[in-house]
Structure formats: C-alpha cells, structure tokens
Amino acid sequence: MTIKPGEAPPVEILLVEDNPGDYRLTQEALREGKVYNNLHWAQDGVEALDFLHKRGKYKEAVVEYQRVISDFPATDSVPAAHYKLGQTYMALKQNDLARKQFDTLMQTFPRSNEATLAKQALDRLK
C-alpha cells in the first residue's frame, strides 16, 4: 500500500553511505517502491552524527558519539567525537557530563584542535 503525499508525513531516512553510486541506487529503489520519504545522505559516521546533532536529536547523538569513542579508539575521529559529545551534553543541560567529556579530551588529546575548543567551552561553563 502506498501512502499518498499529504496523507502521512514522509519517512525520515538517514543513509550513511560513502559510495555515491549506492546512494543513487537507494534513491531509485525508494522512488520505484513509491516510498514517500525525506532521504538525507551522510558519507560517513561523523557526518551522520553532525546531522543528528543539528536536528536536535541529542539523545541519539550521545549514543552514536559514545559508539565512535568506544568502537574506533585509534581513529582520527575520536577527538572530534569527544568534543561534540561534550557540546551535546551542554545542549541537554548536563553540564557535569560536558565538563567530564571536555576534561577527558584535553587529557587524552592535549595537542588536538578539539582540546583547544574544549578549553574554551569549559571556560564558558564556569
């Protein structure tokens, strides 16, 4: 059964896919299946997390930032994940958790650009 536009809101889809060809195939499949949707495309996990954060999906973003930190500890994405997790806690008014995240970032990655940003964020929280 296909729901016509106007009868129900579109299905929100966040596709995390680094291959533009697969993105186009997904668009075609949704169109052919007559799935009324808003397809959002992120080319990697960090881009997807930014999308969730900007849309105010803070609780979902927390889970995903934590996953990046725990599942990919040796990647270059971890300092950014710590910083954005701290920002997300600030948005949720969980300032103690934000401080802890920023402190962890500054201790673990002291030479990163994100550590500098974390220091600035901590100064704003005082």
N, C-alpha and C. Protein backbone atom coordinates (compact mmCIF):
# COMPACT_ATOMS: atom_id res chain seq x y z
N MET A 1 0.84 -1.17 0.00
CA MET A 1 0.00 0.00 0.00
C MET A 1 0.89 1.24 0.00
N THR A 2 0.64 2.13 -0.89
CA THR A 2 1.39 3.37 -0.97
C THR A 2 0.56 4.49 -0.38
N ILE A 3 1.19 5.22 0.53
CA ILE A 3 0.52 6.38 1.11
C ILE A 3 0.83 7.57 0.24
N LYS A 4 -0.18 8.31 -0.12
CA LYS A 4 0.00 9.46 -1.00
C LYS A 4 0.49 10.66 -0.19
N PRO A 5 1.27 11.54 -0.85
CA PRO A 5 1.71 12.75 -0.17
C PRO A 5 0.52 13.51 0.39
N GLY A 6 0.67 13.99 1.60
CA GLY A 6 -0.41 14.71 2.26
C GLY A 6 -1.20 13.84 3.20
N GLU A 7 -1.18 12.51 3.02
CA GLU A 7 -1.92 11.61 3.89
C GLU A 7 -1.14 11.30 5.17
N ALA A 8 0.17 11.28 5.09
CA ALA A 8 1.01 10.99 6.23
C ALA A 8 2.35 11.69 6.00
N PRO A 9 3.06 11.96 7.07
CA PRO A 9 4.36 12.59 6.87
C PRO A 9 5.32 11.61 6.19
N PRO A 10 6.32 12.15 5.50
CA PRO A 10 7.28 11.27 4.84
C PRO A 10 8.13 10.52 5.86
N VAL A 11 8.61 9.38 5.45
CA VAL A 11 9.53 8.61 6.27
C VAL A 11 10.87 9.34 6.25
N GLU A 12 11.44 9.59 7.42
CA GLU A 12 12.75 10.23 7.51
C GLU A 12 13.82 9.15 7.46
N ILE A 13 14.72 9.26 6.49
CA ILE A 13 15.77 8.26 6.32
C ILE A 13 17.12 8.96 6.33
N LEU A 14 18.01 8.48 7.19
CA LEU A 14 19.39 8.95 7.19
C LEU A 14 20.25 7.80 6.66
N LEU A 15 20.74 7.96 5.44
CA LEU A 15 21.58 6.95 4.81
C LEU A 15 23.03 7.32 5.03
N VAL A 16 23.77 6.43 5.67
CA VAL A 16 25.20 6.62 5.86
C VAL A 16 25.90 5.70 4.86
N GLU A 17 26.43 6.32 3.82
CA GLU A 17 26.99 5.55 2.70
C GLU A 17 28.07 6.39 2.02
N ASP A 18 29.26 5.82 1.87
CA ASP A 18 30.35 6.58 1.27
C ASP A 18 30.42 6.46 -0.24
N ASN A 19 29.60 5.60 -0.82
CA ASN A 19 29.64 5.38 -2.26
C ASN A 19 28.49 6.13 -2.94
N PRO A 20 28.80 7.15 -3.75
CA PRO A 20 27.73 7.90 -4.43
C PRO A 20 26.84 7.02 -5.31
N GLY A 21 27.41 5.98 -5.89
CA GLY A 21 26.61 5.07 -6.72
C GLY A 21 25.55 4.35 -5.90
N ASP A 22 25.93 3.90 -4.70
CA ASP A 22 24.96 3.24 -3.83
C ASP A 22 23.89 4.22 -3.35
N TYR A 23 24.28 5.47 -3.15
CA TYR A 23 23.29 6.49 -2.77
C TYR A 23 22.26 6.65 -3.89
N ARG A 24 22.74 6.74 -5.14
CA ARG A 24 21.80 6.87 -6.27
C ARG A 24 20.91 5.63 -6.40
N LEU A 25 21.47 4.44 -6.18
CA LEU A 25 20.66 3.22 -6.23
C LEU A 25 19.57 3.25 -5.15
N THR A 26 19.92 3.75 -3.98
CA THR A 26 18.93 3.85 -2.90
C THR A 26 17.82 4.81 -3.29
N GLN A 27 18.19 5.94 -3.88
CA GLN A 27 17.18 6.90 -4.33
C GLN A 27 16.24 6.25 -5.33
N GLU A 28 16.81 5.54 -6.30
CA GLU A 28 16.00 4.88 -7.32
C GLU A 28 15.07 3.84 -6.71
N ALA A 29 15.59 3.03 -5.78
CA ALA A 29 14.78 1.99 -5.16
C ALA A 29 13.61 2.61 -4.38
N LEU A 30 13.88 3.68 -3.67
CA LEU A 30 12.81 4.34 -2.91
C LEU A 30 11.76 4.93 -3.85
N ARG A 31 12.25 5.52 -4.94
CA ARG A 31 11.32 6.10 -5.93
C ARG A 31 10.48 4.99 -6.58
N GLU A 32 11.13 3.91 -7.01
CA GLU A 32 10.40 2.80 -7.65
C GLU A 32 9.44 2.13 -6.69
N GLY A 33 9.83 2.07 -5.41
CA GLY A 33 8.95 1.47 -4.40
C GLY A 33 7.88 2.43 -3.92
N LYS A 34 7.90 3.64 -4.47
CA LYS A 34 6.92 4.67 -4.12
C LYS A 34 6.88 4.93 -2.61
N VAL A 35 8.08 4.98 -2.04
CA VAL A 35 8.21 5.28 -0.62
C VAL A 35 8.29 6.80 -0.46
N TYR A 36 7.30 7.35 0.17
CA TYR A 36 7.25 8.79 0.42
C TYR A 36 8.27 9.08 1.53
N ASN A 37 9.36 9.80 1.18
CA ASN A 37 10.45 9.93 2.13
C ASN A 37 11.21 11.24 2.00
N ASN A 38 11.95 11.52 3.05
CA ASN A 38 12.97 12.56 3.05
C ASN A 38 14.28 11.82 3.27
N LEU A 39 15.04 11.67 2.20
CA LEU A 39 16.30 10.94 2.28
C LEU A 39 17.43 11.93 2.54
N HIS A 40 18.13 11.71 3.63
CA HIS A 40 19.29 12.53 3.98
C HIS A 40 20.52 11.64 3.84
N TRP A 41 21.57 12.17 3.22
CA TRP A 41 22.75 11.38 2.93
C TRP A 41 23.95 11.92 3.69
N ALA A 42 24.59 11.03 4.43
CA ALA A 42 25.86 11.34 5.09
C ALA A 42 26.88 10.35 4.55
N GLN A 43 28.06 10.85 4.24
CA GLN A 43 29.06 9.99 3.63
C GLN A 43 29.89 9.22 4.64
N ASP A 44 29.78 9.56 5.92
CA ASP A 44 30.47 8.79 6.96
C ASP A 44 29.77 9.01 8.29
N GLY A 45 30.25 8.30 9.30
CA GLY A 45 29.62 8.36 10.61
C GLY A 45 29.67 9.73 11.25
N VAL A 46 30.79 10.42 11.08
CA VAL A 46 30.91 11.75 11.68
C VAL A 46 29.90 12.71 11.06
N GLU A 47 29.74 12.63 9.75
CA GLU A 47 28.75 13.47 9.06
C GLU A 47 27.34 13.14 9.55
N ALA A 48 27.07 11.86 9.76
CA ALA A 48 25.76 11.45 10.26
C ALA A 48 25.51 11.99 11.66
N LEU A 49 26.53 11.95 12.50
CA LEU A 49 26.38 12.47 13.85
C LEU A 49 26.14 13.98 13.84
N ASP A 50 26.85 14.68 12.97
CA ASP A 50 26.62 16.12 12.84
C ASP A 50 25.17 16.39 12.45
N PHE A 51 24.65 15.57 11.55
CA PHE A 51 23.26 15.72 11.11
C PHE A 51 22.31 15.56 12.30
N LEU A 52 22.51 14.49 13.09
CA LEU A 52 21.64 14.26 14.24
C LEU A 52 21.73 15.42 15.23
N HIS A 53 22.94 15.89 15.48
CA HIS A 53 23.13 16.98 16.44
C HIS A 53 22.42 18.24 15.96
N LYS A 54 22.59 18.58 14.70
CA LYS A 54 21.96 19.79 14.16
C LYS A 54 20.44 19.71 14.16
N ARG A 55 19.91 18.50 14.07
CA ARG A 55 18.45 18.33 14.06
C ARG A 55 17.87 18.26 15.47
N GLY A 56 18.72 18.42 16.48
CA GLY A 56 18.23 18.38 17.86
C GLY A 56 18.00 16.98 18.38
N LYS A 57 18.52 15.98 17.71
CA LYS A 57 18.38 14.58 18.14
C LYS A 57 19.52 14.26 19.11
N TYR A 58 19.54 14.98 20.22
CA TYR A 58 20.69 14.93 21.12
C TYR A 58 20.87 13.57 21.78
N LYS A 59 19.80 12.96 22.21
CA LYS A 59 19.94 11.66 22.88
C LYS A 59 20.49 10.61 21.91
N GLU A 60 20.02 10.65 20.66
CA GLU A 60 20.54 9.73 19.66
C GLU A 60 22.01 10.03 19.36
N ALA A 61 22.34 11.32 19.32
CA ALA A 61 23.71 11.72 19.04
C ALA A 61 24.64 11.25 20.15
N VAL A 62 24.21 11.35 21.42
CA VAL A 62 25.04 10.88 22.54
C VAL A 62 25.43 9.42 22.34
N VAL A 63 24.45 8.60 22.03
CA VAL A 63 24.71 7.17 21.84
C VAL A 63 25.72 6.94 20.72
N GLU A 64 25.55 7.65 19.63
CA GLU A 64 26.43 7.45 18.48
C GLU A 64 27.84 8.00 18.72
N TYR A 65 27.95 9.16 19.38
CA TYR A 65 29.28 9.68 19.71
C TYR A 65 30.00 8.71 20.65
N GLN A 66 29.29 8.17 21.63
CA GLN A 66 29.89 7.20 22.55
C GLN A 66 30.36 5.95 21.78
N ARG A 67 29.60 5.57 20.78
CA ARG A 67 29.97 4.40 19.98
C ARG A 67 31.26 4.66 19.20
N VAL A 68 31.39 5.84 18.62
CA VAL A 68 32.62 6.18 17.90
C VAL A 68 33.82 6.09 18.84
N ILE A 69 33.66 6.64 20.05
CA ILE A 69 34.76 6.65 21.02
C ILE A 69 35.14 5.24 21.44
N SER A 70 34.15 4.40 21.69
CA SER A 70 34.45 3.05 22.18
C SER A 70 34.83 2.07 21.07
N ASP A 71 34.21 2.19 19.91
CA ASP A 71 34.45 1.21 18.85
C ASP A 71 35.62 1.55 17.94
N PHE A 72 36.00 2.82 17.89
CA PHE A 72 37.07 3.25 16.98
C PHE A 72 38.11 4.10 17.71
N PRO A 73 38.68 3.58 18.81
CA PRO A 73 39.56 4.41 19.65
C PRO A 73 40.84 4.88 18.97
N ALA A 74 41.28 4.20 17.93
CA ALA A 74 42.55 4.55 17.30
C ALA A 74 42.37 5.43 16.06
N THR A 75 41.18 5.95 15.84
CA THR A 75 40.95 6.75 14.64
C THR A 75 41.06 8.24 14.93
N ASP A 76 41.22 9.00 13.87
CA ASP A 76 41.30 10.46 13.99
C ASP A 76 39.96 11.09 14.36
N SER A 77 38.89 10.33 14.32
CA SER A 77 37.55 10.85 14.61
C SER A 77 37.28 11.00 16.11
N VAL A 78 38.09 10.36 16.93
CA VAL A 78 37.79 10.31 18.38
C VAL A 78 37.86 11.68 19.05
N PRO A 79 38.89 12.52 18.81
CA PRO A 79 38.86 13.84 19.46
C PRO A 79 37.61 14.64 19.11
N ALA A 80 37.22 14.61 17.85
CA ALA A 80 36.00 15.33 17.44
C ALA A 80 34.78 14.74 18.11
N ALA A 81 34.74 13.42 18.25
CA ALA A 81 33.59 12.78 18.92
C ALA A 81 33.52 13.20 20.38
N HIS A 82 34.67 13.25 21.07
CA HIS A 82 34.68 13.72 22.46
C HIS A 82 34.17 15.16 22.55
N TYR A 83 34.65 16.01 21.67
CA TYR A 83 34.25 17.41 21.71
C TYR A 83 32.75 17.56 21.43
N LYS A 84 32.28 16.89 20.40
CA LYS A 84 30.87 17.01 20.04
C LYS A 84 29.98 16.36 21.09
N LEU A 85 30.48 15.32 21.74
CA LEU A 85 29.72 14.72 22.84
C LEU A 85 29.58 15.73 23.97
N GLY A 86 30.66 16.44 24.27
CA GLY A 86 30.59 17.50 25.28
C GLY A 86 29.59 18.58 24.90
N GLN A 87 29.62 19.00 23.64
CA GLN A 87 28.65 20.00 23.16
C GLN A 87 27.21 19.49 23.30
N THR A 88 27.04 18.22 22.99
CA THR A 88 25.70 17.63 23.07
C THR A 88 25.21 17.60 24.51
N TYR A 89 26.11 17.25 25.44
CA TYR A 89 25.72 17.29 26.86
C TYR A 89 25.35 18.71 27.27
N MET A 90 26.08 19.69 26.75
CA MET A 90 25.72 21.09 27.05
C MET A 90 24.31 21.40 26.54
N ALA A 91 24.00 20.96 25.33
CA ALA A 91 22.67 21.20 24.76
C ALA A 91 21.58 20.54 25.59
N LEU A 92 21.93 19.41 26.22
CA LEU A 92 20.97 18.70 27.08
C LEU A 92 20.96 19.26 28.51
N LYS A 93 21.75 20.32 28.75
CA LYS A 93 21.86 20.94 30.07
C LYS A 93 22.47 19.99 31.10
N GLN A 94 23.30 19.07 30.64
CA GLN A 94 24.01 18.13 31.51
C GLN A 94 25.47 18.59 31.61
N ASN A 95 25.65 19.73 32.27
CA ASN A 95 26.95 20.39 32.28
C ASN A 95 28.04 19.60 32.98
N ASP A 96 27.69 18.81 34.00
CA ASP A 96 28.71 17.99 34.66
C ASP A 96 29.28 16.95 33.69
N LEU A 97 28.41 16.35 32.90
CA LEU A 97 28.88 15.38 31.90
C LEU A 97 29.68 16.07 30.80
N ALA A 98 29.27 17.28 30.45
CA ALA A 98 30.01 18.05 29.44
C ALA A 98 31.42 18.35 29.95
N ARG A 99 31.52 18.81 31.20
CA ARG A 99 32.84 19.10 31.78
C ARG A 99 33.73 17.85 31.76
N LYS A 100 33.15 16.74 32.17
CA LYS A 100 33.91 15.48 32.20
C LYS A 100 34.41 15.12 30.81
N GLN A 101 33.58 15.29 29.81
CA GLN A 101 33.96 14.95 28.44
C GLN A 101 35.08 15.86 27.94
N PHE A 102 34.95 17.16 28.22
CA PHE A 102 35.97 18.11 27.80
C PHE A 102 37.29 17.85 28.53
N ASP A 103 37.22 17.53 29.83
CA ASP A 103 38.44 17.20 30.58
C ASP A 103 39.12 15.97 30.00
N THR A 104 38.34 14.95 29.71
CA THR A 104 38.89 13.72 29.12
C THR A 104 39.58 14.02 27.79
N LEU A 105 38.93 14.82 26.98
CA LEU A 105 39.50 15.21 25.69
C LEU A 105 40.83 15.92 25.87
N MET A 106 40.88 16.89 26.78
CA MET A 106 42.11 17.67 26.97
C MET A 106 43.24 16.82 27.54
N GLN A 107 42.91 15.84 28.36
CA GLN A 107 43.94 14.96 28.93
C GLN A 107 44.42 13.92 27.93
N THR A 108 43.50 13.39 27.14
CA THR A 108 43.83 12.31 26.21
C THR A 108 44.44 12.81 24.91
N PHE A 109 43.95 13.95 24.43
CA PHE A 109 44.41 14.50 23.15
C PHE A 109 44.81 15.97 23.34
N PRO A 110 45.81 16.24 24.18
CA PRO A 110 46.12 17.63 24.53
C PRO A 110 46.59 18.50 23.37
N ARG A 111 47.11 17.92 22.32
CA ARG A 111 47.62 18.72 21.20
C ARG A 111 46.61 18.87 20.06
N SER A 112 45.42 18.34 20.25
CA SER A 112 44.42 18.41 19.18
C SER A 112 43.74 19.78 19.15
N ASN A 113 43.23 20.13 17.99
CA ASN A 113 42.44 21.36 17.87
C ASN A 113 41.21 21.30 18.76
N GLU A 114 40.64 20.10 18.89
CA GLU A 114 39.45 19.93 19.72
C GLU A 114 39.75 20.20 21.19
N ALA A 115 40.98 19.92 21.65
CA ALA A 115 41.35 20.22 23.04
C ALA A 115 41.30 21.72 23.29
N THR A 116 41.74 22.49 22.32
CA THR A 116 41.67 23.96 22.43
C THR A 116 40.22 24.41 22.51
N LEU A 117 39.38 23.83 21.67
CA LEU A 117 37.95 24.17 21.70
C LEU A 117 37.31 23.73 23.01
N ALA A 118 37.74 22.59 23.54
CA ALA A 118 37.21 22.09 24.81
C ALA A 118 37.57 23.04 25.95
N LYS A 119 38.78 23.55 25.94
CA LYS A 119 39.22 24.52 26.96
C LYS A 119 38.32 25.75 26.91
N GLN A 120 38.04 26.23 25.71
CA GLN A 120 37.16 27.40 25.56
C GLN A 120 35.76 27.09 26.06
N ALA A 121 35.27 25.90 25.76
CA ALA A 121 33.93 25.51 26.22
C ALA A 121 33.89 25.42 27.74
N LEU A 122 34.94 24.88 28.34
CA LEU A 122 35.00 24.79 29.80
C LEU A 122 34.99 26.19 30.41
N ASP A 123 35.71 27.11 29.82
CA ASP A 123 35.72 28.50 30.33
C ASP A 123 34.32 29.10 30.29
N ARG A 124 33.55 28.77 29.26
CA ARG A 124 32.17 29.28 29.17
C ARG A 124 31.25 28.64 30.21
N LEU A 125 31.56 27.42 30.62
CA LEU A 125 30.72 26.71 31.60
C LEU A 125 30.95 27.20 33.02
N LYS A 126 32.03 27.92 33.27
CA LYS A 126 32.33 28.37 34.65
C LYS A 126 31.45 29.50 35.07
